[in-house]
């Protein structure tokens, strides 16, 4: 698990722990001290969170506008490679140690591919819910209209090439900045009589 992924997982856990700690502290402050509470305090209990608490209620029109943005903007394209990649991993994992199953695995994966790909729409729906939770229906409708316009379609069509070039440029810029920053830090440290 990368730092980015672990941080993304840790933040909700930390937030829940803070909520639990706050609730426990308030409960403890309200309760009169007893012999048992003065000796040892019970461990805080994590609150139960229901789906209704996690996800706001989103109207069908709001969700449809958000979905139009996810699809129209090209964001949904990023989910498409996931299914073939997972299928390739399954194939490699099994046939690496059981090469005699290669033909059967190919047949099974070919049969199941439409079923698996149909489930990729779940991620589009999830992304739409995230967008709907952040942007109201009126603005999503305007954004979707832009992506459906000739200019918006040109932007979406150019996205993959733009992103690839941005990644290359960002990588080169990051290397240059790293070297420049280290050079400047060394210069300033040298002024203080410190060698790095």
Foldseek 3Di string as FASTA:
>chain_A
DDPVVVVVVVVVVVVQVVVQVVVLVVVVVPDDDDPVCVPDDDDGDRDDDDPCNVAPDDDPLLLVLLLLLCVLLLVLVVLQVPLVVVLVVVLCVVCVVVVVCNVVSVVVCVVCVVVSNVCSVVVSSVSSSVVSVPDPSVVSNVSSVCSVDPVNVVCSVCVVVVVVVVVVVVVVVVVVVVVVVVVVVQVVVVVVVDHD
